[in-house]
Amino acid sequence: MNEVLSRGKRMVVRVVLLQAGCAALVASVFLVFKGSSPALAALVGGLIVAAGSAVLGWRAFKPGIAGGATLTAAMYAGVALKWLWFALAMYLAIARLKLDPAPLLIGIVVTQLGYWVGLVRLK
């Protein structure tokens, strides 16, 4: 596998794992201070973001080494799938599962920080 492609896939895994860790962290804080129902909402919010990042990364790196037009189309498709997933998951979490919106949104925001930390390259 090409080094650039390999590094890109490792970055996606790193970002998704950091986001899952942030989701678990914010859910733990809610569990300690607010109880299990807000903790579940925060965890679900964080996992929505982590799953969206995984979908984006999967679709963006699916073509492998390709031309600019192919990679651009893959990135646009990945972003579109991520936002489709996000909208559907938010609808299900709030309207169907009746999760508390405030912890859900806090989980989303805190988990998004894992994205920015994951993009920092140490080496």
C-alpha atoms as a PDB file:
ATOM      1  CA  MET A   1       0.000   0.000   0.000  1.00  0.00           C
ATOM      2  CA  ASN A   2       1.220   3.454  -0.811  1.00  0.00           C
ATOM      3  CA  GLU A   3       2.603   5.392   2.175  1.00  0.00           C
ATOM      4  CA  VAL A   4       0.280   8.364   1.666  1.00  0.00           C
ATOM      5  CA  LEU A   5      -2.790   6.134   1.524  1.00  0.00           C
ATOM      6  CA  SER A   6      -1.634   4.199   4.576  1.00  0.00           C
ATOM      7  CA  ARG A   7      -1.057   7.391   6.571  1.00  0.00           C
ATOM      8  CA  GLY A   8      -4.476   8.682   5.570  1.00  0.00           C
ATOM      9  CA  LYS A   9      -6.206   5.531   6.745  1.00  0.00           C
ATOM     10  CA  ARG A  10      -4.273   5.598  10.027  1.00  0.00           C
ATOM     11  CA  MET A  11      -5.366   9.203  10.517  1.00  0.00           C
ATOM     12  CA  VAL A  12      -9.023   8.217  10.057  1.00  0.00           C
ATOM     13  CA  VAL A  13      -8.671   5.448  12.641  1.00  0.00           C
ATOM     14  CA  ARG A  14      -6.912   7.834  15.036  1.00  0.00           C
ATOM     15  CA  VAL A  15      -9.625  10.480  14.653  1.00  0.00           C
ATOM     16  CA  VAL A  16     -12.482   8.016  15.136  1.00  0.00           C
ATOM     17  CA  LEU A  17     -10.842   6.456  18.214  1.00  0.00           C
ATOM     18  CA  LEU A  18     -10.177   9.881  19.745  1.00  0.00           C
ATOM     19  CA  GLN A  19     -13.764  10.875  19.091  1.00  0.00           C
ATOM     20  CA  ALA A  20     -15.050   7.675  20.693  1.00  0.00           C
ATOM     21  CA  GLY A  21     -12.813   8.391  23.677  1.00  0.00           C
ATOM     22  CA  CYS A  22     -14.179  11.930  23.939  1.00  0.00           C
ATOM     23  CA  ALA A  23     -17.722  10.536  23.782  1.00  0.00           C
ATOM     24  CA  ALA A  24     -16.961   8.110  26.596  1.00  0.00           C
ATOM     25  CA  LEU A  25     -15.347  10.882  28.636  1.00  0.00           C
ATOM     26  CA  VAL A  26     -18.258  13.299  28.330  1.00  0.00           C
ATOM     27  CA  ALA A  27     -20.721  10.479  29.023  1.00  0.00           C
ATOM     28  CA  SER A  28     -18.765   9.573  32.159  1.00  0.00           C
ATOM     29  CA  VAL A  29     -18.919  13.164  33.380  1.00  0.00           C
ATOM     30  CA  PHE A  30     -22.674  13.251  32.807  1.00  0.00           C
ATOM     31  CA  LEU A  31     -23.060   9.892  34.545  1.00  0.00           C
ATOM     32  CA  VAL A  32     -21.295  11.158  37.653  1.00  0.00           C
ATOM     33  CA  PHE A  33     -23.011  14.539  37.863  1.00  0.00           C
ATOM     34  CA  LYS A  34     -26.412  14.121  36.188  1.00  0.00           C
ATOM     35  CA  GLY A  35     -27.309  10.429  35.993  1.00  0.00           C
ATOM     36  CA  SER A  36     -27.702   7.691  33.439  1.00  0.00           C
ATOM     37  CA  SER A  37     -30.259   9.262  31.077  1.00  0.00           C
ATOM     38  CA  PRO A  38     -28.178  12.383  30.268  1.00  0.00           C
ATOM     39  CA  ALA A  39     -25.065  10.200  30.102  1.00  0.00           C
ATOM     40  CA  LEU A  40     -26.695   8.000  27.471  1.00  0.00           C
ATOM     41  CA  ALA A  41     -27.718  11.077  25.475  1.00  0.00           C
ATOM     42  CA  ALA A  42     -24.163  12.469  25.594  1.00  0.00           C
ATOM     43  CA  LEU A  43     -22.713   9.113  24.570  1.00  0.00           C
ATOM     44  CA  VAL A  44     -25.118   8.780  21.663  1.00  0.00           C
ATOM     45  CA  GLY A  45     -24.320  12.335  20.521  1.00  0.00           C
ATOM     46  CA  GLY A  46     -20.620  11.598  20.597  1.00  0.00           C
ATOM     47  CA  LEU A  47     -20.970   8.301  18.793  1.00  0.00           C
ATOM     48  CA  ILE A  48     -23.043   9.973  16.084  1.00  0.00           C
ATOM     49  CA  VAL A  49     -20.082  12.248  15.369  1.00  0.00           C
ATOM     50  CA  ALA A  50     -17.545   9.396  15.513  1.00  0.00           C
ATOM     51  CA  ALA A  51     -19.596   7.247  13.140  1.00  0.00           C
ATOM     52  CA  GLY A  52     -19.959  10.196  10.759  1.00  0.00           C
ATOM     53  CA  SER A  53     -16.194  10.660  10.707  1.00  0.00           C
ATOM     54  CA  ALA A  54     -15.734   6.954  10.023  1.00  0.00           C
ATOM     55  CA  VAL A  55     -18.167   7.119   7.092  1.00  0.00           C
ATOM     56  CA  LEU A  56     -16.410  10.176   5.691  1.00  0.00           C
ATOM     57  CA  GLY A  57     -12.981   8.584   6.016  1.00  0.00           C
ATOM     58  CA  TRP A  58     -14.129   5.289   4.530  1.00  0.00           C
ATOM     59  CA  ARG A  59     -15.666   6.961   1.486  1.00  0.00           C
ATOM     60  CA  ALA A  60     -12.877   9.496   0.973  1.00  0.00           C
ATOM     61  CA  PHE A  61     -10.126   6.861   0.913  1.00  0.00           C
ATOM     62  CA  LYS A  62     -12.106   4.206  -0.966  1.00  0.00           C
ATOM     63  CA  PRO A  63     -10.678   5.026  -4.445  1.00  0.00           C
ATOM     64  CA  GLY A  64      -7.092   4.659  -3.225  1.00  0.00           C
ATOM     65  CA  ILE A  65      -4.545   6.283  -5.514  1.00  0.00           C
ATOM     66  CA  ALA A  66      -6.531   8.019  -8.251  1.00  0.00           C
ATOM     67  CA  GLY A  67      -6.823  11.203 -10.229  1.00  0.00           C
ATOM     68  CA  GLY A  68      -7.900  14.527  -8.832  1.00  0.00           C
ATOM     69  CA  ALA A  69     -11.455  14.324 -10.186  1.00  0.00           C
ATOM     70  CA  THR A  70     -11.988  10.876  -8.668  1.00  0.00           C
ATOM     71  CA  LEU A  71     -10.623  11.926  -5.290  1.00  0.00           C
ATOM     72  CA  THR A  72     -12.691  15.113  -5.300  1.00  0.00           C
ATOM     73  CA  ALA A  73     -15.840  13.138  -6.095  1.00  0.00           C
ATOM     74  CA  ALA A  74     -14.991  10.669  -3.312  1.00  0.00           C
ATOM     75  CA  MET A  75     -14.526  13.498  -0.815  1.00  0.00           C
ATOM     76  CA  TYR A  76     -17.810  15.153  -1.804  1.00  0.00           C
ATOM     77  CA  ALA A  77     -19.600  11.812  -1.571  1.00  0.00           C
ATOM     78  CA  GLY A  78     -18.054  11.224   1.863  1.00  0.00           C
ATOM     79  CA  VAL A  79     -19.144  14.607   3.164  1.00  0.00           C
ATOM     80  CA  ALA A  80     -22.647  14.106   1.755  1.00  0.00           C
ATOM     81  CA  LEU A  81     -22.914  10.677   3.399  1.00  0.00           C
ATOM     82  CA  LYS A  82     -21.627  12.098   6.682  1.00  0.00           C
ATOM     83  CA  TRP A  83     -24.266  14.837   6.745  1.00  0.00           C
ATOM     84  CA  LEU A  84     -27.001  12.430   5.664  1.00  0.00           C
ATOM     85  CA  TRP A  85     -25.986  10.134   8.522  1.00  0.00           C
ATOM     86  CA  PHE A  86     -25.840  13.058  10.940  1.00  0.00           C
ATOM     87  CA  ALA A  87     -29.322  14.330  10.048  1.00  0.00           C
ATOM     88  CA  LEU A  88     -30.874  10.857  10.207  1.00  0.00           C
ATOM     89  CA  ALA A  89     -29.160   9.978  13.492  1.00  0.00           C
ATOM     90  CA  MET A  90     -30.139  13.286  15.112  1.00  0.00           C
ATOM     91  CA  TYR A  91     -33.750  12.759  14.059  1.00  0.00           C
ATOM     92  CA  LEU A  92     -33.749   9.247  15.497  1.00  0.00           C
ATOM     93  CA  ALA A  93     -32.047  10.325  18.720  1.00  0.00           C
ATOM     94  CA  ILE A  94     -34.319  13.279  19.458  1.00  0.00           C
ATOM     95  CA  ALA A  95     -37.661  12.410  17.845  1.00  0.00           C
ATOM     96  CA  ARG A  96     -37.748   8.631  18.142  1.00  0.00           C
ATOM     97  CA  LEU A  97     -35.568   7.761  21.134  1.00  0.00           C
ATOM     98  CA  LYS A  98     -36.591  10.940  23.006  1.00  0.00           C
ATOM     99  CA  LEU A  99     -33.060  11.585  24.300  1.00  0.00           C
ATOM    100  CA  ASP A 100     -32.410  14.803  26.189  1.00  0.00           C
ATOM    101  CA  PRO A 101     -31.235  17.356  23.586  1.00  0.00           C
ATOM    102  CA  ALA A 102     -28.839  19.347  25.793  1.00  0.00           C
ATOM    103  CA  PRO A 103     -26.509  16.461  26.759  1.00  0.00           C
ATOM    104  CA  LEU A 104     -26.820  15.124  23.211  1.00  0.00           C
ATOM    105  CA  LEU A 105     -25.557  18.407  21.777  1.00  0.00           C
ATOM    106  CA  ILE A 106     -22.858  18.734  24.424  1.00  0.00           C
ATOM    107  CA  GLY A 107     -21.678  15.234  23.496  1.00  0.00           C
ATOM    108  CA  ILE A 108     -21.562  16.273  19.850  1.00  0.00           C
ATOM    109  CA  VAL A 109     -19.541  19.419  20.535  1.00  0.00           C
ATOM    110  CA  VAL A 110     -17.051  17.779  22.894  1.00  0.00           C
ATOM    111  CA  THR A 111     -16.575  14.826  20.566  1.00  0.00           C
ATOM    112  CA  GLN A 112     -15.878  17.152  17.672  1.00  0.00           C
ATOM    113  CA  LEU A 113     -12.778  18.256  19.605  1.00  0.00           C
ATOM    114  CA  GLY A 114     -11.399  14.749  19.059  1.00  0.00           C
ATOM    115  CA  TYR A 115     -11.491  15.472  15.335  1.00  0.00           C
ATOM    116  CA  TRP A 116      -9.234  18.486  15.671  1.00  0.00           C
ATOM    117  CA  VAL A 117      -6.848  16.717  18.034  1.00  0.00           C
ATOM    118  CA  GLY A 118      -6.727  13.708  15.721  1.00  0.00           C
ATOM    119  CA  LEU A 119      -5.622  15.820  12.787  1.00  0.00           C
ATOM    120  CA  VAL A 120      -2.489  16.952  14.625  1.00  0.00           C
ATOM    121  CA  ARG A 121       0.413  14.936  13.363  1.00  0.00           C
ATOM    122  CA  LEU A 122       3.062  14.127  15.948  1.00  0.00           C
ATOM    123  CA  LYS A 123       5.715  12.895  13.570  1.00  0.00           C
END
